[in-house]
Amino acid sequence: METPDTNMIEYILPRYCSGEATEEECRMVEEWIKQSDENYRIAKHIHTLYLATDTMQVMSAVDTEKALSSVCQKMSKGNEHAKVTMVTWLQRVAAILFIPLLIAFGIQNLKPRPVEIAQMIEVKTNPGMTTTVDLPDGTRVHLNSESKLSYPSFFDKDKRRVALQGEAFFEVQKDAEHGFVISTPHETKIEVLGTSFNVEAFEKDDFVSTTLIEGKVRFDYMKNQRSTAVLMKPGQKLTYDSSSSRIQLIETSGASEIAWKDGKIVFLATPLPEALRMLEKRFNVTFVLSNDRLRKEAFTGSFSNQRLERILEIFKISSNIKWRYLDTQDTMNEKTRIEIY
């Protein structure tokens, strides 16, 4: 039987491995394989490589005949019928197969990745308790009693937005390109770039207040159904009355407003109604002020670890007020009620 031509085998072998060869071509390849163990190993390895890839894509994307012709030319130098070594075959086939694999790798890595959606995180404090929260941008928030802070697991490319119900002291990480916005009850919000300030904004109260320690903030609120803004300076306390849409600005050191975050209570000529509200948050009680005359009383003093009874006794001595515990119907669900008279 006539020995198959080496050039012809190089042309037919890829077709044989891909199942596209004719009966005559298959016969020629099989005769060539029988000629030597080297030919058998070459055919076996090439067939294995074709099985590991999408052969049809390889044949359509690459000029196989040209690649094999290059192999043939190198093999023909010096000896027209020299046997093809297995190493040479594998090198050429690997080069052919590398192109579609590289394309597949590029498609896999260049295709758009799924958009990650930020998860909302909510932190609440129990009555009489405080906590500290570190936000994704490095901002630190001290959360006072019965307060709630909502923020995303990561901030987007626009502004850093959080929501507050209650009282908190913010130490905002400076970022000139991404403002920090706090949404608060009664259609109000506070926008900053990098600063430290206190916010009191309980949904149950008609007022929202903020005390600026350093930096700059803008307080936004609605007046006559129009958005209005007030720029604050360090050392100012702003109080917004949502029932009348009125703004009050006063000068303050901030010592009284932010003492709670350090576990202290500081009164600086503080009116009694405001002092009682501070004590309510600290000790989880409810005061009933039944003597209107006492509303004009003001107190100055600093307390750290004193019990509520001790503080009330000091009030009694300094301003001649009286106080007593009131009975409650359901002690499990109601706060302790104390009458000031």
Protein backbone atom coordinates (compact mmCIF):
# COMPACT_ATOMS: atom_id res chain seq x y z
CA MET A 1 0.00 0.00 0.00
CA GLU A 2 1.22 3.48 -0.86
CA THR A 3 2.72 5.41 2.01
CA PRO A 4 0.63 8.53 2.82
CA ASP A 5 2.37 11.78 1.92
CA THR A 6 3.52 13.74 5.00
CA ASN A 7 2.26 17.07 3.63
CA MET A 8 -1.12 15.51 2.98
CA ILE A 9 -1.27 14.09 6.50
CA GLU A 10 -0.61 17.51 8.01
CA TYR A 11 -3.54 18.84 6.04
CA ILE A 12 -5.89 15.98 6.81
CA LEU A 13 -5.07 15.30 10.47
CA PRO A 14 -6.96 18.34 11.90
CA ARG A 15 -10.00 17.37 9.80
CA TYR A 16 -9.67 13.81 11.04
CA CYS A 17 -9.60 14.92 14.70
CA SER A 18 -12.61 17.21 14.21
CA GLY A 19 -14.65 14.51 12.43
CA GLU A 20 -14.76 16.36 9.10
CA ALA A 21 -12.48 14.05 7.07
CA THR A 22 -13.86 11.90 4.24
CA GLU A 23 -13.63 8.10 4.29
CA GLU A 24 -10.59 8.20 2.03
CA GLU A 25 -8.90 10.83 4.24
CA CYS A 26 -9.64 8.77 7.35
CA ARG A 27 -8.06 5.73 5.70
CA MET A 28 -4.92 7.70 4.86
CA VAL A 29 -4.55 9.03 8.42
CA GLU A 30 -5.07 5.61 9.94
CA GLU A 31 -2.42 4.13 7.65
CA TRP A 32 -0.04 6.90 8.70
CA ILE A 33 -0.74 6.25 12.40
CA LYS A 34 0.16 2.57 11.97
CA GLN A 35 3.57 3.42 10.57
CA SER A 36 5.16 4.22 13.97
CA ASP A 37 4.55 4.70 17.64
CA GLU A 38 5.62 8.33 17.24
CA ASN A 39 2.84 8.92 14.69
CA TYR A 40 0.34 7.28 17.06
CA ARG A 41 1.37 9.51 20.00
CA ILE A 42 1.14 12.62 17.82
CA ALA A 43 -2.35 11.80 16.63
CA LYS A 44 -3.49 10.88 20.16
CA HIS A 45 -2.27 14.13 21.74
CA ILE A 46 -3.71 16.30 19.00
CA HIS A 47 -7.06 14.54 19.29
CA THR A 48 -7.04 15.10 23.07
CA LEU A 49 -6.41 18.83 22.58
CA TYR A 50 -9.25 19.09 20.12
CA LEU A 51 -11.61 17.36 22.52
CA ALA A 52 -10.70 19.89 25.26
CA THR A 53 -11.77 22.86 23.14
CA ASP A 54 -14.56 23.83 20.83
CA THR A 55 -12.95 22.54 17.63
CA MET A 56 -15.42 24.21 15.31
CA GLN A 57 -14.64 27.63 16.79
CA VAL A 58 -10.92 27.00 16.48
CA MET A 59 -11.21 25.98 12.82
CA SER A 60 -13.39 28.97 11.95
CA ALA A 61 -11.31 31.53 13.86
CA VAL A 62 -7.84 30.34 12.81
CA ASP A 63 -6.36 29.53 9.40
CA THR A 64 -5.43 25.95 10.31
CA GLU A 65 -4.02 25.11 6.88
CA LYS A 66 -1.61 28.02 7.05
CA ALA A 67 -0.47 27.06 10.55
CA LEU A 68 0.09 23.44 9.53
CA SER A 69 1.82 24.52 6.33
CA SER A 70 4.33 26.42 8.45
CA VAL A 71 4.97 23.25 10.40
CA CYS A 72 5.41 21.35 7.14
CA GLN A 73 8.02 23.75 5.82
CA LYS A 74 10.13 23.37 8.93
CA MET A 75 9.82 19.63 8.82
CA SER A 76 10.78 19.43 5.15
CA LYS A 77 14.15 21.13 5.60
CA GLY A 78 16.95 18.65 5.12
CA ASN A 79 14.70 15.60 4.70
CA GLU A 80 11.50 15.73 2.64
CA HIS A 81 9.99 12.70 4.39
CA ALA A 82 11.27 13.46 7.92
CA LYS A 83 8.94 12.42 10.65
CA VAL A 84 7.16 15.08 12.59
CA THR A 85 8.18 15.10 16.24
CA MET A 86 5.50 15.14 18.91
CA VAL A 87 6.96 18.27 20.51
CA THR A 88 6.72 20.22 17.24
CA TRP A 89 3.12 19.13 16.71
CA LEU A 90 2.10 20.10 20.23
CA GLN A 91 3.77 23.51 19.95
CA ARG A 92 1.93 24.33 16.74
CA VAL A 93 -1.43 23.05 17.91
CA ALA A 94 -1.07 24.89 21.22
CA ALA A 95 -0.46 28.10 19.27
CA ILE A 96 -3.62 27.47 17.24
CA LEU A 97 -5.72 26.72 20.31
CA PHE A 98 -4.33 29.68 22.31
CA ILE A 99 -6.12 32.30 20.21
CA PRO A 100 -9.71 31.26 20.97
CA LEU A 101 -8.80 30.64 24.60
CA LEU A 102 -7.38 34.16 24.82
CA ILE A 103 -10.55 35.58 23.27
CA ALA A 104 -12.69 33.64 25.75
CA PHE A 105 -10.59 34.97 28.62
CA GLY A 106 -11.00 38.53 27.37
CA ILE A 107 -14.75 38.19 27.02
CA GLN A 108 -15.03 36.77 30.53
CA ASN A 109 -13.05 39.61 32.10
CA LEU A 110 -14.30 42.52 30.00
CA LYS A 111 -18.00 41.83 30.29
CA PRO A 112 -19.79 44.17 32.74
CA ARG A 113 -19.84 42.93 36.31
CA PRO A 114 -23.13 42.81 38.20
CA VAL A 115 -23.87 46.13 39.92
CA GLU A 116 -23.52 45.79 43.69
CA ILE A 117 -26.43 47.25 45.61
CA ALA A 118 -25.78 48.82 49.00
CA GLN A 119 -27.65 47.28 51.91
CA MET A 120 -29.31 49.62 54.42
CA ILE A 121 -28.11 49.26 58.00
CA GLU A 122 -30.14 50.47 60.96
CA VAL A 123 -28.76 51.06 64.46
CA LYS A 124 -31.09 51.73 67.40
CA THR A 125 -30.33 52.54 71.02
CA ASN A 126 -32.42 51.40 73.95
CA PRO A 127 -33.80 53.89 76.50
CA GLY A 128 -31.06 55.21 78.74
CA MET A 129 -28.29 53.75 76.53
CA THR A 130 -25.81 55.27 74.07
CA THR A 131 -23.59 53.74 71.37
CA THR A 132 -20.94 54.68 68.82
CA VAL A 133 -21.17 53.83 65.10
CA ASP A 134 -18.35 54.01 62.54
CA LEU A 135 -19.69 54.66 59.03
CA PRO A 136 -18.10 53.26 55.82
CA ASP A 137 -16.32 56.56 55.05
CA GLY A 138 -14.70 56.81 58.49
CA THR A 139 -17.30 59.18 59.97
CA ARG A 140 -17.98 58.48 63.65
CA VAL A 141 -21.48 58.88 65.08
CA HIS A 142 -22.31 58.90 68.80
CA LEU A 143 -25.95 57.87 69.15
CA ASN A 144 -27.92 59.00 72.20
CA SER A 145 -30.75 57.22 74.02
CA GLU A 146 -33.84 56.10 72.03
CA SER A 147 -32.31 57.15 68.73
CA LYS A 148 -32.12 55.48 65.32
CA LEU A 149 -29.51 55.89 62.57
CA SER A 150 -29.92 54.44 59.07
CA TYR A 151 -27.05 54.32 56.57
CA PRO A 152 -25.91 52.24 53.54
CA SER A 153 -23.26 49.53 53.69
CA PHE A 154 -21.22 51.71 51.32
CA PHE A 155 -21.67 55.23 49.96
CA ASP A 156 -22.21 55.82 46.23
CA LYS A 157 -20.31 58.26 44.04
CA ASP A 158 -22.64 61.14 44.85
CA LYS A 159 -23.29 62.36 48.38
CA ARG A 160 -22.98 60.43 51.63
CA ARG A 161 -26.55 60.15 52.89
CA VAL A 162 -27.81 58.94 56.28
CA ALA A 163 -31.08 59.31 58.19
CA LEU A 164 -31.46 60.17 61.87
CA GLN A 165 -34.36 60.00 64.27
CA GLY A 166 -33.24 61.04 67.73
CA GLU A 167 -30.02 62.64 68.89
CA ALA A 168 -26.49 62.10 67.68
CA PHE A 169 -23.09 63.75 67.66
CA PHE A 170 -21.34 63.52 64.27
CA GLU A 171 -17.61 63.62 63.59
CA VAL A 172 -17.75 63.72 59.80
CA GLN A 173 -14.79 62.52 57.76
CA LYS A 174 -13.68 65.35 55.48
CA ASP A 175 -14.33 64.76 51.76
CA ALA A 176 -14.64 67.91 49.67
CA GLU A 177 -16.01 65.99 46.66
CA HIS A 178 -18.74 64.10 48.51
CA GLY A 179 -20.97 66.10 50.84
CA PHE A 180 -22.50 64.50 53.92
CA VAL A 181 -26.29 64.77 54.21
CA ILE A 182 -28.40 63.88 57.25
CA SER A 183 -32.14 63.52 56.73
CA THR A 184 -34.11 64.37 59.86
CA PRO A 185 -37.85 64.50 60.75
CA HIS A 186 -40.23 67.32 59.74
CA GLU A 187 -38.77 67.61 56.20
CA THR A 188 -35.43 68.88 57.44
CA LYS A 189 -31.88 67.92 56.57
CA ILE A 190 -28.34 68.96 57.38
CA GLU A 191 -25.53 69.04 54.83
CA VAL A 192 -21.82 69.23 55.70
CA LEU A 193 -18.42 68.72 54.12
CA GLY A 194 -16.30 67.93 57.17
CA THR A 195 -17.15 68.98 60.69
CA SER A 196 -18.37 68.00 64.14
CA PHE A 197 -21.82 68.88 65.41
CA ASN A 198 -24.75 67.67 67.47
CA VAL A 199 -28.25 66.98 66.14
CA GLU A 200 -31.42 66.50 68.18
CA ALA A 201 -34.33 65.45 65.99
CA PHE A 202 -36.89 63.20 67.67
CA GLU A 203 -39.94 62.52 65.56
CA LYS A 204 -42.22 62.93 68.59
CA ASP A 205 -40.95 66.50 69.18
CA ASP A 206 -41.94 69.55 67.15
CA PHE A 207 -38.41 70.91 67.07
CA VAL A 208 -35.11 69.99 65.47
CA SER A 209 -31.88 71.46 66.78
CA THR A 210 -28.25 71.31 65.77
CA THR A 211 -25.19 72.64 67.54
CA LEU A 212 -22.10 73.30 65.42
CA ILE A 213 -18.75 72.72 67.12
CA GLU A 214 -16.43 73.20 64.16
CA GLY A 215 -16.61 73.38 60.36
CA LYS A 216 -19.63 74.42 58.33
CA VAL A 217 -23.16 73.09 58.01
CA ARG A 218 -26.24 74.07 56.10
CA PHE A 219 -29.63 73.50 57.69
CA ASP A 220 -32.45 72.97 55.17
CA TYR A 221 -36.12 73.20 56.07
CA MET A 222 -39.48 73.92 54.48
CA LYS A 223 -41.11 77.35 54.86
CA ASN A 224 -44.31 78.22 53.03
CA GLN A 225 -43.84 75.03 50.99
CA ARG A 226 -40.46 76.26 49.77
CA SER A 227 -37.03 74.90 50.63
CA THR A 228 -35.08 77.35 52.78
CA ALA A 229 -31.50 77.10 54.04
CA VAL A 230 -29.52 78.58 56.93
CA LEU A 231 -25.70 78.54 57.00
CA MET A 232 -24.29 78.01 60.48
CA LYS A 233 -21.01 79.06 62.05
CA PRO A 234 -19.04 77.26 64.77
CA GLY A 235 -20.36 78.07 68.25
CA GLN A 236 -23.97 78.40 67.11
CA LYS A 237 -27.04 76.39 68.08
CA LEU A 238 -29.98 76.37 65.70
CA THR A 239 -33.47 75.36 66.81
CA TYR A 240 -36.24 74.86 64.25
CA ASP A 241 -39.88 74.79 65.34
CA SER A 242 -41.78 72.72 62.77
CA SER A 243 -45.17 73.93 64.02
CA SER A 244 -44.38 77.55 63.14
CA SER A 245 -41.44 77.08 60.70
CA ARG A 246 -39.42 79.46 62.84
CA ILE A 247 -35.64 79.40 63.30
CA GLN A 248 -33.75 80.49 66.42
CA LEU A 249 -29.96 80.94 66.47
CA ILE A 250 -28.04 81.37 69.73
CA GLU A 251 -24.36 81.41 70.67
CA THR A 252 -23.09 78.42 72.68
CA SER A 253 -19.88 76.67 73.59
CA GLY A 254 -21.55 73.34 72.94
CA ALA A 255 -20.45 71.97 76.32
CA SER A 256 -23.99 71.33 77.48
CA GLU A 257 -25.27 69.98 74.15
CA ILE A 258 -22.57 67.34 73.60
CA ALA A 259 -21.73 66.29 77.18
CA TRP A 260 -24.03 63.24 76.88
CA LYS A 261 -21.63 61.45 74.50
CA ASP A 262 -19.03 61.37 77.29
CA GLY A 263 -21.56 60.12 79.87
CA LYS A 264 -21.99 63.53 81.49
CA ILE A 265 -24.82 65.97 82.07
CA VAL A 266 -23.88 69.65 81.92
CA PHE A 267 -26.31 72.47 82.71
CA LEU A 268 -25.27 76.03 81.79
CA ALA A 269 -28.13 78.32 82.83
CA THR A 270 -30.34 75.65 81.32
CA PRO A 271 -34.11 76.25 81.61
CA LEU A 272 -35.91 73.64 83.70
CA PRO A 273 -38.00 72.18 80.83
CA GLU A 274 -34.84 71.59 78.78
CA ALA A 275 -32.96 70.23 81.80
CA LEU A 276 -35.76 67.75 82.48
CA ARG A 277 -35.71 66.63 78.85
CA MET A 278 -31.97 65.92 79.15
CA LEU A 279 -32.61 63.89 82.30
CA GLU A 280 -35.42 61.96 80.58
CA LYS A 281 -33.04 60.74 77.87
CA ARG A 282 -30.33 59.86 80.37
CA PHE A 283 -32.45 57.99 82.94
CA ASN A 284 -35.35 56.73 80.80
CA VAL A 285 -38.07 58.47 82.80
CA THR A 286 -40.93 60.87 82.08
CA PHE A 287 -41.33 64.16 83.94
CA VAL A 288 -44.65 65.88 84.56
CA LEU A 289 -44.13 69.60 85.22
CA SER A 290 -47.27 70.68 87.05
CA ASN A 291 -46.08 74.07 88.32
CA ASP A 292 -45.81 76.62 85.48
CA ARG A 293 -43.87 78.98 87.73
CA LEU A 294 -40.93 76.60 87.59
CA ARG A 295 -40.62 76.85 83.81
CA LYS A 296 -38.58 80.02 84.23
CA GLU A 297 -36.09 78.39 86.59
CA ALA A 298 -32.58 77.72 85.18
CA PHE A 299 -29.82 75.47 86.44
CA THR A 300 -26.03 75.34 86.23
CA GLY A 301 -24.00 72.30 87.21
CA SER A 302 -22.16 69.23 85.98
CA PHE A 303 -23.01 65.60 86.80
CA SER A 304 -21.20 62.40 85.87
CA ASN A 305 -22.14 59.39 87.97
CA GLN A 306 -24.80 60.80 90.25
CA ARG A 307 -28.13 59.02 90.59
CA LEU A 308 -31.27 60.76 89.36
CA GLU A 309 -32.57 61.15 92.92
CA ARG A 310 -29.38 63.00 93.89
CA ILE A 311 -29.71 65.42 90.97
CA LEU A 312 -33.36 66.12 91.82
CA GLU A 313 -32.43 66.78 95.42
CA ILE A 314 -29.91 69.36 94.25
CA PHE A 315 -32.66 70.96 92.15
CA LYS A 316 -34.85 70.99 95.26
CA ILE A 317 -32.23 72.77 97.34
CA SER A 318 -31.26 75.33 94.71
CA SER A 319 -34.72 76.26 93.41
CA ASN A 320 -37.13 75.09 96.06
CA ILE A 321 -38.83 72.62 93.75
CA LYS A 322 -40.56 69.45 94.91
CA TRP A 323 -40.70 66.09 93.22
CA ARG A 324 -42.34 62.71 93.69
CA TYR A 325 -42.83 59.41 91.86
CA LEU A 326 -46.22 58.84 90.26
CA ASP A 327 -47.93 55.49 90.14
CA THR A 328 -48.20 53.84 86.71
CA GLN A 329 -50.81 51.37 85.54
CA ASP A 330 -48.40 49.14 83.61
CA THR A 331 -44.87 49.21 84.92
CA MET A 332 -43.73 46.77 82.22
CA ASN A 333 -44.51 49.06 79.29
CA GLU A 334 -44.49 52.57 80.77
CA LYS A 335 -41.58 54.69 81.86
CA THR A 336 -41.30 55.79 85.44
CA ARG A 337 -43.23 59.04 85.86
CA ILE A 338 -41.97 61.79 88.14
CA GLU A 339 -43.92 64.91 89.00
CA ILE A 340 -42.15 68.23 89.46
CA TYR A 341 -44.26 70.71 91.47
